[in-house]
């Protein structure tokens, strides 16, 4: 399976890349960086370092959007550290990003993969800005991609940066609206399931004792554990992005439900919310509804505005969280044979 990852590489994005590098059958063809947890340039450096530590230092990393489509970028240094990887002392990457912008890389890789008969899976674990820009660059993109797995949103649970908004979607709601409503297969891995996949402190200690890449992953996760202790009441953290990476490889690990979804762009308290229509009588093919019950007509969710069109997504609504966490830890400790392979030309060289 060919995967192109688009990341705002902070702590859990790094864990997701390490997961992909350890999983058999996952071929990482490129990585794009985007504003989010840190600035896009720092996210690219972080991705390079993770890939080098995983033995995938020739996977090309492209710098992407430095700000959202509307407004200014906001970073999450409190959660991920000033450098995005927990401020753990380290030498940094040896390589450099490519000169190709992330959105251009995405379009080119998708075209190449489709013409070779192996459409890409896109994995977005940060704001959707690069994906939206790629769609604007090349409308044919939707026919070249197998599916788009987006870590983002909150459908039946509270948000984590607003009352109803999740961080990746809230960082660029306009981009998310474009991506969610585009005519391609979108799998939404939201807080509804990622908050069920909790990495406990004891599991992090198992990684730390193993040395090598697992120990490095444990080291960069310490700040995340610190910050989530106030949220969870114990020293643990959710595996947001690793779960999305796992869904990109094997969607069957979660229970999916087809739902009409719209990204709220204008609400004073709800901007960035992912609004799903859970009413009975849903018609996922049109994003609207016929009836909620016998003789009870309802208004469709459809096309609330031209700015915020309805998309039909496959939403992850349930997961066996403990089983996934054990799978994640075990895979880092004992990578599968034939793990993620390098693909494409190498990036630049640091001088």
C-alpha atoms as a PDB file:
ATOM      1  CA  UNK A   1       0.000   0.000   0.000  1.00  0.00           C
ATOM      2  CA  UNK A   2       1.408   3.366  -1.041  1.00  0.00           C
ATOM      3  CA  UNK A   3       0.907   6.096   1.547  1.00  0.00           C
ATOM      4  CA  UNK A   4       1.699   9.789   1.387  1.00  0.00           C
ATOM      5  CA  UNK A   5       1.639  11.366   4.847  1.00  0.00           C
ATOM      6  CA  UNK A   6       0.852  15.021   5.483  1.00  0.00           C
ATOM      7  CA  UNK A   7       1.898  16.016   9.005  1.00  0.00           C
ATOM      8  CA  UNK A   8       2.374  18.951  11.353  1.00  0.00           C
ATOM      9  CA  UNK A   9       4.937  16.733  12.996  1.00  0.00           C
ATOM     10  CA  UNK A  10       4.590  16.945  16.723  1.00  0.00           C
ATOM     11  CA  UNK A  11       4.801  14.108  19.199  1.00  0.00           C
ATOM     12  CA  UNK A  12       1.920  11.920  18.034  1.00  0.00           C
ATOM     13  CA  UNK A  13       2.696  12.534  14.341  1.00  0.00           C
ATOM     14  CA  UNK A  14       6.213  11.248  15.062  1.00  0.00           C
ATOM     15  CA  UNK A  15       4.721   8.139  16.660  1.00  0.00           C
ATOM     16  CA  UNK A  16       2.518   7.678  13.593  1.00  0.00           C
ATOM     17  CA  UNK A  17       5.523   7.811  11.254  1.00  0.00           C
ATOM     18  CA  UNK A  18       7.361   5.316  13.458  1.00  0.00           C
ATOM     19  CA  UNK A  19       4.299   3.057  13.311  1.00  0.00           C
ATOM     20  CA  UNK A  20       4.202   3.184   9.495  1.00  0.00           C
ATOM     21  CA  UNK A  21       7.913   2.447   9.346  1.00  0.00           C
ATOM     22  CA  UNK A  22       7.346  -0.676  11.454  1.00  0.00           C
ATOM     23  CA  UNK A  23       4.342  -2.037   9.586  1.00  0.00           C
ATOM     24  CA  UNK A  24       4.680  -4.599   6.810  1.00  0.00           C
ATOM     25  CA  UNK A  25       3.096  -3.611   3.519  1.00  0.00           C
ATOM     26  CA  UNK A  26       3.144   0.132   4.131  1.00  0.00           C
ATOM     27  CA  UNK A  27       5.183   1.946   1.477  1.00  0.00           C
ATOM     28  CA  UNK A  28       5.750   5.557   2.471  1.00  0.00           C
ATOM     29  CA  UNK A  29       6.277   7.476  -0.780  1.00  0.00           C
ATOM     30  CA  UNK A  30       6.603  10.945   0.696  1.00  0.00           C
ATOM     31  CA  UNK A  31       5.810  13.284   3.564  1.00  0.00           C
ATOM     32  CA  UNK A  32       4.489  16.829   3.448  1.00  0.00           C
ATOM     33  CA  UNK A  33       4.725  19.271   6.321  1.00  0.00           C
ATOM     34  CA  UNK A  34       2.105  21.811   7.354  1.00  0.00           C
ATOM     35  CA  UNK A  35       1.570  24.458  10.005  1.00  0.00           C
ATOM     36  CA  UNK A  36      -0.099  23.188  13.163  1.00  0.00           C
ATOM     37  CA  UNK A  37       1.695  21.809  16.175  1.00  0.00           C
ATOM     38  CA  UNK A  38       4.753  23.769  15.015  1.00  0.00           C
ATOM     39  CA  UNK A  39       5.727  25.870  11.996  1.00  0.00           C
ATOM     40  CA  UNK A  40       5.851  24.015   8.667  1.00  0.00           C
ATOM     41  CA  UNK A  41       9.643  24.231   8.447  1.00  0.00           C
ATOM     42  CA  UNK A  42      10.077  22.746  11.925  1.00  0.00           C
ATOM     43  CA  UNK A  43       7.539  20.032  11.107  1.00  0.00           C
ATOM     44  CA  UNK A  44       9.588  19.104   8.031  1.00  0.00           C
ATOM     45  CA  UNK A  45      12.792  18.880  10.091  1.00  0.00           C
ATOM     46  CA  UNK A  46      10.983  16.721  12.636  1.00  0.00           C
ATOM     47  CA  UNK A  47       9.697  14.397   9.929  1.00  0.00           C
ATOM     48  CA  UNK A  48      13.189  14.073   8.474  1.00  0.00           C
ATOM     49  CA  UNK A  49      14.607  13.154  11.858  1.00  0.00           C
ATOM     50  CA  UNK A  50      11.956  10.519  12.552  1.00  0.00           C
ATOM     51  CA  UNK A  51      12.404   8.965   9.118  1.00  0.00           C
ATOM     52  CA  UNK A  52      16.182   8.870   9.514  1.00  0.00           C
ATOM     53  CA  UNK A  53      15.817   7.168  12.883  1.00  0.00           C
ATOM     54  CA  UNK A  54      13.522   4.619  11.220  1.00  0.00           C
ATOM     55  CA  UNK A  55      15.981   3.904   8.441  1.00  0.00           C
ATOM     56  CA  UNK A  56      13.869   5.739   5.846  1.00  0.00           C
ATOM     57  CA  UNK A  57      16.079   8.764   5.377  1.00  0.00           C
ATOM     58  CA  UNK A  58      15.630   8.856   1.585  1.00  0.00           C
ATOM     59  CA  UNK A  59      11.841   9.299   1.733  1.00  0.00           C
ATOM     60  CA  UNK A  60      11.299  12.831   0.377  1.00  0.00           C
ATOM     61  CA  UNK A  61       9.942  15.437   2.782  1.00  0.00           C
ATOM     62  CA  UNK A  62       8.407  18.613   1.328  1.00  0.00           C
ATOM     63  CA  UNK A  63       7.630  21.816   3.203  1.00  0.00           C
ATOM     64  CA  UNK A  64       3.992  22.797   2.871  1.00  0.00           C
ATOM     65  CA  UNK A  65       1.576  25.526   3.878  1.00  0.00           C
ATOM     66  CA  UNK A  66       2.889  27.908   6.487  1.00  0.00           C
ATOM     67  CA  UNK A  67      -0.541  29.299   7.372  1.00  0.00           C
ATOM     68  CA  UNK A  68      -4.212  28.382   6.966  1.00  0.00           C
ATOM     69  CA  UNK A  69      -6.312  29.522   4.010  1.00  0.00           C
ATOM     70  CA  UNK A  70      -7.876  32.175   6.268  1.00  0.00           C
ATOM     71  CA  UNK A  71      -6.189  33.885   9.212  1.00  0.00           C
ATOM     72  CA  UNK A  72      -2.893  33.245  10.944  1.00  0.00           C
ATOM     73  CA  UNK A  73      -1.256  30.033  12.060  1.00  0.00           C
ATOM     74  CA  UNK A  74      -1.432  29.057  15.718  1.00  0.00           C
ATOM     75  CA  UNK A  75       0.977  26.553  17.213  1.00  0.00           C
ATOM     76  CA  UNK A  76       0.756  24.043  20.088  1.00  0.00           C
ATOM     77  CA  UNK A  77       4.099  24.472  21.835  1.00  0.00           C
ATOM     78  CA  UNK A  78       2.518  23.871  25.241  1.00  0.00           C
ATOM     79  CA  UNK A  79       1.552  20.347  24.178  1.00  0.00           C
ATOM     80  CA  UNK A  80       4.429  19.414  21.899  1.00  0.00           C
ATOM     81  CA  UNK A  81       7.301  21.630  23.033  1.00  0.00           C
ATOM     82  CA  UNK A  82       9.058  24.481  21.258  1.00  0.00           C
ATOM     83  CA  UNK A  83      10.568  22.049  18.754  1.00  0.00           C
ATOM     84  CA  UNK A  84       7.450  19.883  18.443  1.00  0.00           C
ATOM     85  CA  UNK A  85       9.164  16.771  19.773  1.00  0.00           C
ATOM     86  CA  UNK A  86       9.057  17.367  23.498  1.00  0.00           C
ATOM     87  CA  UNK A  87      12.214  19.528  23.631  1.00  0.00           C
ATOM     88  CA  UNK A  88      14.344  16.415  24.037  1.00  0.00           C
ATOM     89  CA  UNK A  89      18.018  17.151  23.328  1.00  0.00           C
ATOM     90  CA  UNK A  90      18.979  15.645  19.973  1.00  0.00           C
ATOM     91  CA  UNK A  91      21.251  16.449  17.010  1.00  0.00           C
ATOM     92  CA  UNK A  92      18.464  17.005  14.493  1.00  0.00           C
ATOM     93  CA  UNK A  93      18.204  15.576  10.971  1.00  0.00           C
ATOM     94  CA  UNK A  94      21.081  15.196   8.558  1.00  0.00           C
ATOM     95  CA  UNK A  95      19.005  15.735   5.441  1.00  0.00           C
ATOM     96  CA  UNK A  96      17.066  18.669   4.039  1.00  0.00           C
ATOM     97  CA  UNK A  97      13.552  18.945   2.642  1.00  0.00           C
ATOM     98  CA  UNK A  98      13.100  18.879  -1.109  1.00  0.00           C
ATOM     99  CA  UNK A  99      12.538  22.121  -2.995  1.00  0.00           C
ATOM    100  CA  UNK A 100       9.126  20.938  -4.199  1.00  0.00           C
ATOM    101  CA  UNK A 101       6.160  22.364  -2.217  1.00  0.00           C
ATOM    102  CA  UNK A 102       4.091  19.764  -0.369  1.00  0.00           C
ATOM    103  CA  UNK A 103       0.900  20.365  -2.387  1.00  0.00           C
ATOM    104  CA  UNK A 104       2.819  19.943  -5.659  1.00  0.00           C
ATOM    105  CA  UNK A 105       4.479  16.780  -4.359  1.00  0.00           C
ATOM    106  CA  UNK A 106       1.060  15.414  -3.427  1.00  0.00           C
ATOM    107  CA  UNK A 107      -0.373  16.008  -6.904  1.00  0.00           C
ATOM    108  CA  UNK A 108       2.679  14.554  -8.655  1.00  0.00           C
ATOM    109  CA  UNK A 109       2.864  11.452  -6.471  1.00  0.00           C
ATOM    110  CA  UNK A 110      -0.866  10.814  -6.817  1.00  0.00           C
ATOM    111  CA  UNK A 111      -0.697  11.138 -10.611  1.00  0.00           C
ATOM    112  CA  UNK A 112       2.279   8.790 -10.826  1.00  0.00           C
ATOM    113  CA  UNK A 113       0.699   6.200  -8.543  1.00  0.00           C
ATOM    114  CA  UNK A 114      -2.617   6.255 -10.418  1.00  0.00           C
ATOM    115  CA  UNK A 115      -0.925   5.846 -13.806  1.00  0.00           C
ATOM    116  CA  UNK A 116       0.985   2.872 -12.382  1.00  0.00           C
ATOM    117  CA  UNK A 117      -2.294   1.329 -11.239  1.00  0.00           C
ATOM    118  CA  UNK A 118      -1.631   1.756  -7.511  1.00  0.00           C
ATOM    119  CA  UNK A 119      -3.618   4.764  -6.266  1.00  0.00           C
ATOM    120  CA  UNK A 120      -2.292   6.502  -3.168  1.00  0.00           C
ATOM    121  CA  UNK A 121      -3.747   6.550   0.296  1.00  0.00           C
ATOM    122  CA  UNK A 122      -3.396  10.046   1.743  1.00  0.00           C
ATOM    123  CA  UNK A 123      -2.911  10.307   5.495  1.00  0.00           C
ATOM    124  CA  UNK A 124      -3.481  13.762   6.994  1.00  0.00           C
ATOM    125  CA  UNK A 125      -2.553  14.076  10.671  1.00  0.00           C
ATOM    126  CA  UNK A 126      -2.421  17.878  10.716  1.00  0.00           C
ATOM    127  CA  UNK A 127      -4.516  20.717   9.285  1.00  0.00           C
ATOM    128  CA  UNK A 128      -5.876  19.991   5.800  1.00  0.00           C
ATOM    129  CA  UNK A 129      -4.296  23.037   4.120  1.00  0.00           C
ATOM    130  CA  UNK A 130      -1.949  21.141   1.789  1.00  0.00           C
ATOM    131  CA  UNK A 131      -4.713  18.784   0.671  1.00  0.00           C
ATOM    132  CA  UNK A 132      -7.044  21.694  -0.077  1.00  0.00           C
ATOM    133  CA  UNK A 133      -4.332  23.485  -2.047  1.00  0.00           C
ATOM    134  CA  UNK A 134      -3.630  20.293  -3.997  1.00  0.00           C
ATOM    135  CA  UNK A 135      -7.329  20.023  -4.896  1.00  0.00           C
ATOM    136  CA  UNK A 136      -7.300  23.614  -6.114  1.00  0.00           C
ATOM    137  CA  UNK A 137      -4.159  22.925  -8.157  1.00  0.00           C
ATOM    138  CA  UNK A 138      -5.510  19.763  -9.777  1.00  0.00           C
ATOM    139  CA  UNK A 139      -9.254  18.927  -9.815  1.00  0.00           C
ATOM    140  CA  UNK A 140      -8.437  15.462 -11.236  1.00  0.00           C
ATOM    141  CA  UNK A 141      -6.706  14.609  -7.960  1.00  0.00           C
ATOM    142  CA  UNK A 142      -9.832  13.021  -6.514  1.00  0.00           C
ATOM    143  CA  UNK A 143      -9.778  10.313  -9.194  1.00  0.00           C
ATOM    144  CA  UNK A 144      -6.117   9.465  -8.538  1.00  0.00           C
ATOM    145  CA  UNK A 145      -6.460   8.771  -4.815  1.00  0.00           C
ATOM    146  CA  UNK A 146      -7.786   5.579  -3.252  1.00  0.00           C
ATOM    147  CA  UNK A 147      -8.838   7.213   0.014  1.00  0.00           C
ATOM    148  CA  UNK A 148      -8.049  10.094   2.313  1.00  0.00           C
ATOM    149  CA  UNK A 149      -7.674   9.319   6.009  1.00  0.00           C
ATOM    150  CA  UNK A 150      -8.035  12.484   8.102  1.00  0.00           C
ATOM    151  CA  UNK A 151      -7.254  12.581  11.802  1.00  0.00           C
ATOM    152  CA  UNK A 152      -9.646  15.277  12.883  1.00  0.00           C
ATOM    153  CA  UNK A 153     -13.044  16.278  14.132  1.00  0.00           C
ATOM    154  CA  UNK A 154     -15.333  15.483  17.023  1.00  0.00           C
ATOM    155  CA  UNK A 155     -18.735  14.051  16.115  1.00  0.00           C
ATOM    156  CA  UNK A 156     -20.373  12.890  19.345  1.00  0.00           C
ATOM    157  CA  UNK A 157     -17.791  14.069  21.866  1.00  0.00           C
ATOM    158  CA  UNK A 158     -16.490  17.480  23.010  1.00  0.00           C
ATOM    159  CA  UNK A 159     -13.718  19.229  21.135  1.00  0.00           C
ATOM    160  CA  UNK A 160     -10.190  19.616  22.439  1.00  0.00           C
ATOM    161  CA  UNK A 161      -9.546  23.245  21.452  1.00  0.00           C
ATOM    162  CA  UNK A 162     -13.132  24.526  21.511  1.00  0.00           C
ATOM    163  CA  UNK A 163     -16.529  23.449  22.749  1.00  0.00           C
ATOM    164  CA  UNK A 164     -17.063  21.298  19.659  1.00  0.00           C
ATOM    165  CA  UNK A 165     -13.889  21.749  17.622  1.00  0.00           C
ATOM    166  CA  UNK A 166     -10.851  19.504  17.313  1.00  0.00           C
ATOM    167  CA  UNK A 167      -7.384  20.993  16.828  1.00  0.00           C
ATOM    168  CA  UNK A 168      -6.593  19.880  13.258  1.00  0.00           C
ATOM    169  CA  UNK A 169      -9.945  20.966  11.839  1.00  0.00           C
ATOM    170  CA  UNK A 170     -10.041  24.194  13.850  1.00  0.00           C
ATOM    171  CA  UNK A 171      -6.560  25.133  12.598  1.00  0.00           C
ATOM    172  CA  UNK A 172      -7.950  25.535   9.063  1.00  0.00           C
ATOM    173  CA  UNK A 173     -11.727  25.003   8.861  1.00  0.00           C
ATOM    174  CA  UNK A 174     -11.958  26.274   5.282  1.00  0.00           C
ATOM    175  CA  UNK A 175      -9.409  23.723   4.097  1.00  0.00           C
ATOM    176  CA  UNK A 176     -11.165  20.955   6.019  1.00  0.00           C
ATOM    177  CA  UNK A 177     -14.488  21.913   4.411  1.00  0.00           C
ATOM    178  CA  UNK A 178     -12.921  21.633   0.942  1.00  0.00           C
ATOM    179  CA  UNK A 179     -11.363  18.250   1.700  1.00  0.00           C
ATOM    180  CA  UNK A 180     -14.394  16.727   3.421  1.00  0.00           C
ATOM    181  CA  UNK A 181     -16.817  17.757   0.656  1.00  0.00           C
ATOM    182  CA  UNK A 182     -14.599  16.750  -2.298  1.00  0.00           C
ATOM    183  CA  UNK A 183     -15.749  13.726  -4.359  1.00  0.00           C
ATOM    184  CA  UNK A 184     -13.269  11.216  -2.981  1.00  0.00           C
ATOM    185  CA  UNK A 185     -13.398   8.630  -0.210  1.00  0.00           C
ATOM    186  CA  UNK A 186     -12.774  10.355   3.122  1.00  0.00           C
ATOM    187  CA  UNK A 187     -12.286   8.326   6.293  1.00  0.00           C
ATOM    188  CA  UNK A 188     -12.574  10.569   9.353  1.00  0.00           C
ATOM    189  CA  UNK A 189     -10.698   9.398  12.443  1.00  0.00           C
ATOM    190  CA  UNK A 190     -12.024  11.754  15.091  1.00  0.00           C
ATOM    191  CA  UNK A 191     -11.689  12.255  18.822  1.00  0.00           C
ATOM    192  CA  UNK A 192     -14.623   9.843  19.169  1.00  0.00           C
ATOM    193  CA  UNK A 193     -12.191   6.965  18.622  1.00  0.00           C
ATOM    194  CA  UNK A 194      -8.740   8.427  19.294  1.00  0.00           C
ATOM    195  CA  UNK A 195      -9.731   9.214  22.882  1.00  0.00           C
ATOM    196  CA  UNK A 196     -10.408   5.493  23.315  1.00  0.00           C
ATOM    197  CA  UNK A 197      -6.819   4.605  22.354  1.00  0.00           C
ATOM    198  CA  UNK A 198      -4.935   5.595  25.514  1.00  0.00           C
ATOM    199  CA  UNK A 199      -1.227   4.885  25.894  1.00  0.00           C
ATOM    200  CA  UNK A 200      -0.554   4.317  29.590  1.00  0.00           C
ATOM    201  CA  UNK A 201       2.667   5.275  31.351  1.00  0.00           C
ATOM    202  CA  UNK A 202       3.506   1.612  31.939  1.00  0.00           C
ATOM    203  CA  UNK A 203       3.477   0.964  28.184  1.00  0.00           C
ATOM    204  CA  UNK A 204       5.783   3.933  27.609  1.00  0.00           C
ATOM    205  CA  UNK A 205       8.165   2.417  30.144  1.00  0.00           C
ATOM    206  CA  UNK A 206       8.181  -0.814  28.113  1.00  0.00           C
ATOM    207  CA  UNK A 207       9.318   1.206  25.100  1.00  0.00           C
ATOM    208  CA  UNK A 208      11.945   3.051  27.146  1.00  0.00           C
ATOM    209  CA  UNK A 209      13.520  -0.203  28.361  1.00  0.00           C
ATOM    210  CA  UNK A 210      13.856  -1.529  24.815  1.00  0.00           C
ATOM    211  CA  UNK A 211      16.409   1.026  23.666  1.00  0.00           C
ATOM    212  CA  UNK A 212      16.788   2.234  20.086  1.00  0.00           C
ATOM    213  CA  UNK A 213      13.802   3.725  18.272  1.00  0.00           C
ATOM    214  CA  UNK A 214      11.245   2.611  20.916  1.00  0.00           C
ATOM    215  CA  UNK A 215      13.241   4.373  23.645  1.00  0.00           C
ATOM    216  CA  UNK A 216      13.453   7.541  21.569  1.00  0.00           C
ATOM    217  CA  UNK A 217       9.683   7.430  21.071  1.00  0.00           C
ATOM    218  CA  UNK A 218       9.275   7.059  24.843  1.00  0.00           C
ATOM    219  CA  UNK A 219      11.542  10.052  25.453  1.00  0.00           C
ATOM    220  CA  UNK A 220       9.692  12.435  23.147  1.00  0.00           C
ATOM    221  CA  UNK A 221       6.352  11.286  24.601  1.00  0.00           C
ATOM    222  CA  UNK A 222       7.152  12.415  28.155  1.00  0.00           C
ATOM    223  CA  UNK A 223       5.901  15.993  27.647  1.00  0.00           C
ATOM    224  CA  UNK A 224       2.692  14.641  26.125  1.00  0.00           C
ATOM    225  CA  UNK A 225       2.183  12.486  29.214  1.00  0.00           C
ATOM    226  CA  UNK A 226       2.746  15.536  31.405  1.00  0.00           C
ATOM    227  CA  UNK A 227       0.170  17.627  29.588  1.00  0.00           C
ATOM    228  CA  UNK A 228      -2.487  14.915  29.330  1.00  0.00           C
ATOM    229  CA  UNK A 229      -2.248  14.072  33.010  1.00  0.00           C
ATOM    230  CA  UNK A 230      -4.450  17.075  33.769  1.00  0.00           C
ATOM    231  CA  UNK A 231      -6.985  15.915  31.163  1.00  0.00           C
ATOM    232  CA  UNK A 232      -7.057  12.190  31.895  1.00  0.00           C
ATOM    233  CA  UNK A 233      -6.292  12.249  35.614  1.00  0.00           C
ATOM    234  CA  UNK A 234      -3.366   9.872  35.172  1.00  0.00           C
ATOM    235  CA  UNK A 235      -0.058   9.771  33.362  1.00  0.00           C
ATOM    236  CA  UNK A 236      -1.193   8.646  29.915  1.00  0.00           C
ATOM    237  CA  UNK A 237      -1.931  10.095  26.470  1.00  0.00           C
ATOM    238  CA  UNK A 238      -4.168   9.313  23.484  1.00  0.00           C
ATOM    239  CA  UNK A 239      -2.671   7.938  20.279  1.00  0.00           C
ATOM    240  CA  UNK A 240      -4.494  10.296  17.910  1.00  0.00           C
ATOM    241  CA  UNK A 241      -2.231  10.117  14.874  1.00  0.00           C
ATOM    242  CA  UNK A 242      -0.985   6.525  15.249  1.00  0.00           C
ATOM    243  CA  UNK A 243      -4.591   5.334  15.195  1.00  0.00           C
ATOM    244  CA  UNK A 244      -5.205   7.271  11.976  1.00  0.00           C
ATOM    245  CA  UNK A 245      -2.041   5.717  10.511  1.00  0.00           C
ATOM    246  CA  UNK A 246      -3.333   2.268  11.437  1.00  0.00           C
ATOM    247  CA  UNK A 247      -6.697   3.013   9.802  1.00  0.00           C
ATOM    248  CA  UNK A 248      -4.853   4.058   6.635  1.00  0.00           C
ATOM    249  CA  UNK A 249      -3.295   0.581   6.582  1.00  0.00           C
ATOM    250  CA  UNK A 250      -6.350  -1.397   7.712  1.00  0.00           C
ATOM    251  CA  UNK A 251      -9.702   0.468   7.943  1.00  0.00           C
ATOM    252  CA  UNK A 252     -11.325  -2.631   9.443  1.00  0.00           C
ATOM    253  CA  UNK A 253      -9.707  -1.968  12.820  1.00  0.00           C
ATOM    254  CA  UNK A 254     -12.433   0.617  13.484  1.00  0.00           C
ATOM    255  CA  UNK A 255     -16.176   0.521  13.020  1.00  0.00           C
ATOM    256  CA  UNK A 256     -17.116   2.908  10.236  1.00  0.00           C
ATOM    257  CA  UNK A 257     -20.435   4.669   9.754  1.00  0.00           C
ATOM    258  CA  UNK A 258     -21.321   6.624   6.627  1.00  0.00           C
ATOM    259  CA  UNK A 259     -22.497  10.088   7.640  1.00  0.00           C
ATOM    260  CA  UNK A 260     -23.216  13.476   6.077  1.00  0.00           C
ATOM    261  CA  UNK A 261     -20.764  15.932   7.664  1.00  0.00           C
ATOM    262  CA  UNK A 262     -20.281  19.669   7.365  1.00  0.00           C
ATOM    263  CA  UNK A 263     -17.489  21.810   8.784  1.00  0.00           C
ATOM    264  CA  UNK A 264     -18.893  24.839  10.601  1.00  0.00           C
ATOM    265  CA  UNK A 265     -17.209  28.019   9.391  1.00  0.00           C
ATOM    266  CA  UNK A 266     -19.190  30.873  10.881  1.00  0.00           C
ATOM    267  CA  UNK A 267     -20.404  30.036  14.380  1.00  0.00           C
ATOM    268  CA  UNK A 268     -19.157  32.277  17.183  1.00  0.00           C
ATOM    269  CA  UNK A 269     -18.739  29.280  19.493  1.00  0.00           C
ATOM    270  CA  UNK A 270     -18.673  26.466  16.941  1.00  0.00           C
ATOM    271  CA  UNK A 271     -16.255  27.502  14.174  1.00  0.00           C
ATOM    272  CA  UNK A 272     -14.248  24.441  13.223  1.00  0.00           C
ATOM    273  CA  UNK A 273     -16.834  21.980  14.501  1.00  0.00           C
ATOM    274  CA  UNK A 274     -17.505  18.865  12.421  1.00  0.00           C
ATOM    275  CA  UNK A 275     -21.290  18.631  12.388  1.00  0.00           C
ATOM    276  CA  UNK A 276     -22.553  15.138  11.575  1.00  0.00           C
ATOM    277  CA  UNK A 277     -26.199  14.396  10.870  1.00  0.00           C
ATOM    278  CA  UNK A 278     -27.092  11.425  13.063  1.00  0.00           C
ATOM    279  CA  UNK A 279     -30.869  11.625  12.500  1.00  0.00           C
ATOM    280  CA  UNK A 280     -32.684   8.514  11.464  1.00  0.00           C
ATOM    281  CA  UNK A 281     -33.532   8.469   7.787  1.00  0.00           C
ATOM    282  CA  UNK A 282     -30.157   9.674   6.583  1.00  0.00           C
ATOM    283  CA  UNK A 283     -29.515   9.519   2.877  1.00  0.00           C
ATOM    284  CA  UNK A 284     -25.706   9.437   2.720  1.00  0.00           C
ATOM    285  CA  UNK A 285     -25.796   9.556  -1.076  1.00  0.00           C
ATOM    286  CA  UNK A 286     -27.150  13.106  -1.035  1.00  0.00           C
ATOM    287  CA  UNK A 287     -26.145  14.374   2.381  1.00  0.00           C
ATOM    288  CA  UNK A 288     -29.815  14.951   3.168  1.00  0.00           C
ATOM    289  CA  UNK A 289     -32.775  13.240   4.789  1.00  0.00           C
ATOM    290  CA  UNK A 290     -36.252  12.164   3.873  1.00  0.00           C
ATOM    291  CA  UNK A 291     -37.962  11.493   7.203  1.00  0.00           C
ATOM    292  CA  UNK A 292     -36.890  11.132  10.829  1.00  0.00           C
ATOM    293  CA  UNK A 293     -39.809   8.842  11.593  1.00  0.00           C
ATOM    294  CA  UNK A 294     -43.322   7.967  10.461  1.00  0.00           C
ATOM    295  CA  UNK A 295     -44.946  11.088   9.008  1.00  0.00           C
ATOM    296  CA  UNK A 296     -42.221  13.284  10.455  1.00  0.00           C
ATOM    297  CA  UNK A 297     -40.472  15.338   7.791  1.00  0.00           C
ATOM    298  CA  UNK A 298     -37.070  16.835   8.488  1.00  0.00           C
ATOM    299  CA  UNK A 299     -34.923  19.507   6.916  1.00  0.00           C
ATOM    300  CA  UNK A 300     -31.866  18.178   5.111  1.00  0.00           C
ATOM    301  CA  UNK A 301     -28.396  19.028   6.286  1.00  0.00           C
ATOM    302  CA  UNK A 302     -27.571  19.685   2.664  1.00  0.00           C
ATOM    303  CA  UNK A 303     -25.516  22.644   1.497  1.00  0.00           C
ATOM    304  CA  UNK A 304     -25.887  24.997   4.438  1.00  0.00           C
ATOM    305  CA  UNK A 305     -23.890  27.521   2.419  1.00  0.00           C
ATOM    306  CA  UNK A 306     -21.587  27.647  -0.569  1.00  0.00           C
ATOM    307  CA  UNK A 307     -18.694  28.118   1.851  1.00  0.00           C
ATOM    308  CA  UNK A 308     -19.534  25.082   3.949  1.00  0.00           C
ATOM    309  CA  UNK A 309     -20.857  22.301   1.700  1.00  0.00           C
ATOM    310  CA  UNK A 310     -21.881  18.906   2.971  1.00  0.00           C
ATOM    311  CA  UNK A 311     -19.546  15.966   2.559  1.00  0.00           C
ATOM    312  CA  UNK A 312     -20.308  12.289   2.979  1.00  0.00           C
ATOM    313  CA  UNK A 313     -17.593  10.595   4.996  1.00  0.00           C
ATOM    314  CA  UNK A 314     -16.842   7.221   6.502  1.00  0.00           C
ATOM    315  CA  UNK A 315     -16.586   8.155  10.154  1.00  0.00           C
ATOM    316  CA  UNK A 316     -14.782   5.955  12.650  1.00  0.00           C
ATOM    317  CA  UNK A 317     -17.269   5.592  15.491  1.00  0.00           C
ATOM    318  CA  UNK A 318     -15.820   2.782  17.599  1.00  0.00           C
ATOM    319  CA  UNK A 319     -12.531   0.979  18.219  1.00  0.00           C
ATOM    320  CA  UNK A 320     -11.104  -1.556  20.631  1.00  0.00           C
ATOM    321  CA  UNK A 321      -8.741   0.987  22.153  1.00  0.00           C
ATOM    322  CA  UNK A 322      -6.713  -1.279  24.458  1.00  0.00           C
ATOM    323  CA  UNK A 323      -6.201  -3.824  21.686  1.00  0.00           C
ATOM    324  CA  UNK A 324      -4.933  -1.138  19.325  1.00  0.00           C
ATOM    325  CA  UNK A 325      -2.549   0.282  21.936  1.00  0.00           C
ATOM    326  CA  UNK A 326      -1.065  -3.158  22.552  1.00  0.00           C
ATOM    327  CA  UNK A 327      -0.713  -3.639  18.786  1.00  0.00           C
ATOM    328  CA  UNK A 328       1.046  -0.262  18.504  1.00  0.00           C
ATOM    329  CA  UNK A 329       3.496  -0.940  21.323  1.00  0.00           C
ATOM    330  CA  UNK A 330       4.226  -4.475  20.137  1.00  0.00           C
ATOM    331  CA  UNK A 331       4.875  -3.270  16.591  1.00  0.00           C
ATOM    332  CA  UNK A 332       7.395  -0.672  17.739  1.00  0.00           C
ATOM    333  CA  UNK A 333       9.136  -3.297  19.874  1.00  0.00           C
ATOM    334  CA  UNK A 334       9.168  -5.900  17.109  1.00  0.00           C
ATOM    335  CA  UNK A 335       8.728  -4.358  13.631  1.00  0.00           C
ATOM    336  CA  UNK A 336       7.143  -6.609  11.058  1.00  0.00           C
ATOM    337  CA  UNK A 337       9.286  -8.125   8.343  1.00  0.00           C
ATOM    338  CA  UNK A 338       9.053  -6.150   5.122  1.00  0.00           C
ATOM    339  CA  UNK A 339       8.280  -2.916   6.956  1.00  0.00           C
ATOM    340  CA  UNK A 340       7.656   0.405   5.261  1.00  0.00           C
ATOM    341  CA  UNK A 341      10.072   0.882   2.422  1.00  0.00           C
ATOM    342  CA  UNK A 342      11.683   3.973   1.041  1.00  0.00           C
ATOM    343  CA  UNK A 343      10.363   5.285  -2.239  1.00  0.00           C
ATOM    344  CA  UNK A 344      11.236   8.065  -4.618  1.00  0.00           C
ATOM    345  CA  UNK A 345      14.184  10.339  -4.838  1.00  0.00           C
ATOM    346  CA  UNK A 346      16.083  11.428  -1.788  1.00  0.00           C
ATOM    347  CA  UNK A 347      15.720  14.825  -0.217  1.00  0.00           C
ATOM    348  CA  UNK A 348      18.465  17.393  -0.059  1.00  0.00           C
ATOM    349  CA  UNK A 349      21.659  17.156   1.921  1.00  0.00           C
ATOM    350  CA  UNK A 350      22.331  19.259   4.975  1.00  0.00           C
ATOM    351  CA  UNK A 351      25.588  21.167   4.747  1.00  0.00           C
END
